[in-house]
Each structure stands twice: as C-alpha cells, then as structure tokens.
Amino acid sequence: MRFKYTRFLGPRGDIERPVIPITLRNPHNPLAPAIGYLGLVDSGSDRCIFSSQVAALLGIDLTAFDHFSFVKFNDRESTVEIGKLKQ
C-alpha cells in the first residue's frame, strides 16, 4: 500500500508523515459525537494510541482499564490505560 505523506511543522523543522483521515465513534453511546482525527499509519504497530481527551469525547470510561507507565523518548514518564474495546 502507498500513503500520501503530509508535511507537519515539528520542533526541529518540517516533518512528513503518512496520515489518513479517520472517524472515531462509540457504538455503545449513540449520543457521543463522532470525532474526525488524523491517524498515523504505522504498519509495525501492534496497538493504537489515542489521548484521554479523545476517550472522554467519545464517552469511554478509562477507569476500568489496566494502567501502566512507560518512559518516552524525551525522558518523561506517561501513564497509559490499556483496554480492549468491543467492536
């Protein structure tokens, strides 16, 4: 597959990334709005990561998910909620 690369302004100058427009919905909460998002294509990834703000907008309760911490490349620690969303 081939994807168009979109140029973004990064902290060290422009960077091009393969992104595609996606729409996120919570099928268990029909009152939650659909959210337009740009998804980064990462063919080697085993997981999808979204910010907690996206989960809140979709009405997804993150308190029931497992939590773990990891250290990002900039030496900051982040907490991540892991959970399987039913389709």
N, C-alpha and C. Protein backbone atom coordinates (compact mmCIF):
# COMPACT_ATOMS: atom_id res chain seq x y z
N MET A 1 0.83 -1.18 0.00
CA MET A 1 0.00 0.00 0.00
C MET A 1 0.88 1.24 0.00
N ARG A 2 0.37 2.27 -0.59
CA ARG A 2 1.07 3.56 -0.60
C ARG A 2 0.17 4.60 0.04
N PHE A 3 0.77 5.45 0.85
CA PHE A 3 0.04 6.51 1.52
C PHE A 3 0.69 7.84 1.20
N LYS A 4 -0.14 8.85 1.08
CA LYS A 4 0.37 10.19 0.87
C LYS A 4 0.99 10.69 2.18
N TYR A 5 2.13 11.34 2.08
CA TYR A 5 2.78 11.92 3.25
C TYR A 5 2.36 13.38 3.38
N THR A 6 2.00 13.77 4.59
CA THR A 6 1.58 15.13 4.87
C THR A 6 2.67 15.82 5.67
N ARG A 7 2.95 17.06 5.32
CA ARG A 7 4.01 17.81 6.00
C ARG A 7 3.44 18.51 7.23
N PHE A 8 4.14 18.36 8.36
CA PHE A 8 3.78 18.99 9.62
C PHE A 8 4.97 19.79 10.12
N LEU A 9 4.69 20.85 10.83
CA LEU A 9 5.74 21.62 11.47
C LEU A 9 6.13 20.92 12.76
N GLY A 10 7.38 20.51 12.86
CA GLY A 10 7.87 19.83 14.04
C GLY A 10 8.77 20.74 14.86
N PRO A 11 9.20 20.30 16.03
CA PRO A 11 10.04 21.13 16.89
C PRO A 11 11.40 21.44 16.27
N ARG A 12 11.83 20.60 15.35
CA ARG A 12 13.13 20.80 14.69
C ARG A 12 12.96 21.06 13.19
N GLY A 13 11.80 21.57 12.81
CA GLY A 13 11.54 21.84 11.39
C GLY A 13 10.43 20.96 10.86
N ASP A 14 10.22 21.03 9.57
CA ASP A 14 9.14 20.27 8.95
C ASP A 14 9.45 18.77 8.99
N ILE A 15 8.37 17.99 9.11
CA ILE A 15 8.47 16.54 9.08
C ILE A 15 7.29 16.03 8.26
N GLU A 16 7.52 15.00 7.47
CA GLU A 16 6.46 14.40 6.68
C GLU A 16 6.09 13.06 7.28
N ARG A 17 4.78 12.83 7.38
CA ARG A 17 4.28 11.60 7.98
C ARG A 17 3.14 11.04 7.15
N PRO A 18 3.01 9.70 7.13
CA PRO A 18 1.87 9.10 6.43
C PRO A 18 0.64 9.11 7.34
N VAL A 19 -0.29 9.99 7.09
CA VAL A 19 -1.50 10.08 7.90
C VAL A 19 -2.73 9.92 7.01
N ILE A 20 -3.77 9.37 7.60
CA ILE A 20 -5.03 9.22 6.89
C ILE A 20 -6.15 9.77 7.77
N PRO A 21 -7.17 10.35 7.16
CA PRO A 21 -8.31 10.82 7.95
C PRO A 21 -9.15 9.63 8.42
N ILE A 22 -9.50 9.62 9.70
CA ILE A 22 -10.36 8.57 10.24
C ILE A 22 -11.48 9.22 11.04
N THR A 23 -12.55 8.49 11.24
CA THR A 23 -13.65 8.93 12.07
C THR A 23 -13.82 7.94 13.21
N LEU A 24 -13.79 8.44 14.44
CA LEU A 24 -13.94 7.60 15.63
C LEU A 24 -15.35 7.76 16.17
N ARG A 25 -15.97 6.63 16.53
CA ARG A 25 -17.31 6.63 17.11
C ARG A 25 -17.35 5.64 18.27
N ASN A 26 -18.26 5.87 19.21
CA ASN A 26 -18.51 4.92 20.28
C ASN A 26 -19.85 4.26 19.98
N PRO A 27 -19.84 3.02 19.47
CA PRO A 27 -21.10 2.38 19.12
C PRO A 27 -21.99 2.07 20.32
N HIS A 28 -21.42 2.09 21.53
CA HIS A 28 -22.19 1.82 22.75
C HIS A 28 -22.82 3.08 23.31
N ASN A 29 -22.49 4.24 22.74
CA ASN A 29 -23.04 5.51 23.21
C ASN A 29 -23.45 6.33 21.99
N PRO A 30 -24.67 6.12 21.48
CA PRO A 30 -25.09 6.83 20.27
C PRO A 30 -25.19 8.34 20.45
N LEU A 31 -25.21 8.83 21.69
CA LEU A 31 -25.27 10.27 21.92
C LEU A 31 -23.89 10.93 21.84
N ALA A 32 -22.83 10.13 21.92
CA ALA A 32 -21.48 10.68 21.83
C ALA A 32 -21.21 11.10 20.39
N PRO A 33 -20.53 12.22 20.21
CA PRO A 33 -20.28 12.69 18.84
C PRO A 33 -19.23 11.84 18.13
N ALA A 34 -19.30 11.81 16.81
CA ALA A 34 -18.23 11.22 16.01
C ALA A 34 -17.09 12.24 15.97
N ILE A 35 -15.87 11.75 15.98
CA ILE A 35 -14.71 12.62 16.03
C ILE A 35 -13.84 12.38 14.81
N GLY A 36 -13.55 13.44 14.06
CA GLY A 36 -12.61 13.36 12.96
C GLY A 36 -11.20 13.45 13.50
N TYR A 37 -10.30 12.64 12.99
CA TYR A 37 -8.96 12.54 13.54
C TYR A 37 -8.01 12.19 12.40
N LEU A 38 -6.76 12.58 12.52
CA LEU A 38 -5.75 12.14 11.57
C LEU A 38 -4.99 10.99 12.21
N GLY A 39 -5.03 9.83 11.58
CA GLY A 39 -4.36 8.66 12.11
C GLY A 39 -3.01 8.46 11.43
N LEU A 40 -1.98 8.27 12.23
CA LEU A 40 -0.65 8.00 11.71
C LEU A 40 -0.58 6.54 11.29
N VAL A 41 -0.20 6.29 10.05
CA VAL A 41 -0.07 4.92 9.55
C VAL A 41 1.24 4.36 10.06
N ASP A 42 1.17 3.31 10.88
CA ASP A 42 2.35 2.65 11.41
C ASP A 42 2.16 1.16 11.21
N SER A 43 2.68 0.65 10.12
CA SER A 43 2.42 -0.75 9.76
C SER A 43 3.08 -1.74 10.72
N GLY A 44 3.99 -1.29 11.56
CA GLY A 44 4.63 -2.18 12.51
C GLY A 44 4.04 -2.13 13.90
N SER A 45 3.00 -1.33 14.10
CA SER A 45 2.42 -1.16 15.43
C SER A 45 1.43 -2.27 15.76
N ASP A 46 1.47 -2.70 17.01
CA ASP A 46 0.51 -3.69 17.49
C ASP A 46 -0.64 -3.05 18.25
N ARG A 47 -0.55 -1.76 18.53
CA ARG A 47 -1.56 -1.06 19.32
C ARG A 47 -1.90 0.28 18.68
N CYS A 48 -3.06 0.78 19.01
CA CYS A 48 -3.46 2.13 18.62
C CYS A 48 -3.49 2.97 19.90
N ILE A 49 -2.95 4.16 19.82
CA ILE A 49 -2.91 5.04 20.99
C ILE A 49 -3.62 6.34 20.67
N PHE A 50 -4.53 6.71 21.55
CA PHE A 50 -5.25 7.97 21.44
C PHE A 50 -5.17 8.67 22.79
N SER A 51 -5.29 9.97 22.78
CA SER A 51 -5.22 10.71 24.04
C SER A 51 -6.49 10.46 24.86
N SER A 52 -6.37 10.69 26.15
CA SER A 52 -7.52 10.51 27.04
C SER A 52 -8.63 11.50 26.71
N GLN A 53 -8.29 12.63 26.12
CA GLN A 53 -9.32 13.60 25.71
C GLN A 53 -10.23 13.01 24.64
N VAL A 54 -9.68 12.21 23.75
CA VAL A 54 -10.49 11.56 22.72
C VAL A 54 -11.45 10.56 23.37
N ALA A 55 -10.95 9.78 24.31
CA ALA A 55 -11.81 8.83 25.03
C ALA A 55 -12.93 9.56 25.75
N ALA A 56 -12.63 10.69 26.37
CA ALA A 56 -13.65 11.46 27.08
C ALA A 56 -14.71 11.98 26.12
N LEU A 57 -14.29 12.49 24.98
CA LEU A 57 -15.26 12.98 23.99
C LEU A 57 -16.16 11.87 23.46
N LEU A 58 -15.60 10.65 23.38
CA LEU A 58 -16.39 9.51 22.90
C LEU A 58 -17.21 8.87 24.01
N GLY A 59 -17.04 9.32 25.25
CA GLY A 59 -17.79 8.75 26.36
C GLY A 59 -17.25 7.40 26.80
N ILE A 60 -15.96 7.15 26.63
CA ILE A 60 -15.33 5.90 27.04
C ILE A 60 -14.75 6.07 28.44
N ASP A 61 -15.17 5.22 29.37
CA ASP A 61 -14.71 5.28 30.75
C ASP A 61 -13.38 4.54 30.86
N LEU A 62 -12.32 5.26 31.12
CA LEU A 62 -11.00 4.64 31.20
C LEU A 62 -10.68 4.07 32.57
N THR A 63 -11.52 4.28 33.56
CA THR A 63 -11.20 3.82 34.92
C THR A 63 -11.20 2.29 35.03
N ALA A 64 -11.88 1.60 34.14
CA ALA A 64 -11.94 0.14 34.21
C ALA A 64 -10.75 -0.53 33.54
N PHE A 65 -9.91 0.23 32.86
CA PHE A 65 -8.79 -0.34 32.13
C PHE A 65 -7.56 -0.49 33.03
N ASP A 66 -6.69 -1.40 32.66
CA ASP A 66 -5.41 -1.54 33.34
C ASP A 66 -4.55 -0.32 33.04
N HIS A 67 -3.70 0.06 33.99
CA HIS A 67 -2.82 1.20 33.83
C HIS A 67 -1.37 0.74 33.91
N PHE A 68 -0.51 1.35 33.15
CA PHE A 68 0.91 1.14 33.31
C PHE A 68 1.64 2.40 32.87
N SER A 69 2.87 2.52 33.28
CA SER A 69 3.68 3.68 32.94
C SER A 69 4.80 3.27 32.02
N PHE A 70 5.22 4.18 31.18
CA PHE A 70 6.37 3.96 30.33
C PHE A 70 7.11 5.28 30.18
N VAL A 71 8.35 5.19 29.77
CA VAL A 71 9.16 6.40 29.60
C VAL A 71 9.29 6.65 28.10
N LYS A 72 8.91 7.86 27.70
CA LYS A 72 9.00 8.24 26.29
C LYS A 72 10.42 8.67 25.97
N PHE A 73 10.65 8.94 24.70
CA PHE A 73 11.99 9.30 24.25
C PHE A 73 12.54 10.57 24.88
N ASN A 74 11.68 11.45 25.38
CA ASN A 74 12.17 12.69 25.98
C ASN A 74 12.33 12.57 27.50
N ASP A 75 12.41 11.33 27.99
CA ASP A 75 12.63 11.04 29.41
C ASP A 75 11.48 11.44 30.32
N ARG A 76 10.34 11.70 29.78
CA ARG A 76 9.16 11.96 30.61
C ARG A 76 8.38 10.66 30.79
N GLU A 77 7.82 10.49 31.96
CA GLU A 77 7.01 9.30 32.21
C GLU A 77 5.56 9.60 31.90
N SER A 78 4.88 8.66 31.27
CA SER A 78 3.47 8.82 30.95
C SER A 78 2.73 7.59 31.45
N THR A 79 1.50 7.80 31.87
CA THR A 79 0.63 6.70 32.27
C THR A 79 -0.31 6.40 31.12
N VAL A 80 -0.50 5.12 30.86
CA VAL A 80 -1.32 4.70 29.75
C VAL A 80 -2.38 3.74 30.25
N GLU A 81 -3.60 3.88 29.76
CA GLU A 81 -4.66 2.93 30.08
C GLU A 81 -4.73 1.92 28.92
N ILE A 82 -4.77 0.66 29.26
CA ILE A 82 -4.83 -0.40 28.26
C ILE A 82 -6.18 -1.08 28.39
N GLY A 83 -6.84 -1.27 27.32
CA GLY A 83 -8.10 -1.98 27.36
C GLY A 83 -8.49 -2.46 25.98
N LYS A 84 -9.31 -3.48 25.94
CA LYS A 84 -9.84 -3.95 24.68
C LYS A 84 -11.23 -3.37 24.52
N LEU A 85 -11.44 -2.70 23.42
CA LEU A 85 -12.75 -2.16 23.11
C LEU A 85 -13.51 -3.17 22.27
N LYS A 86 -14.71 -3.49 22.67
CA LYS A 86 -15.52 -4.43 21.91
C LYS A 86 -16.01 -3.74 20.66
N GLN A 87 -16.04 -4.51 19.60
CA GLN A 87 -16.50 -3.95 18.32
C GLN A 87 -18.00 -4.03 18.22
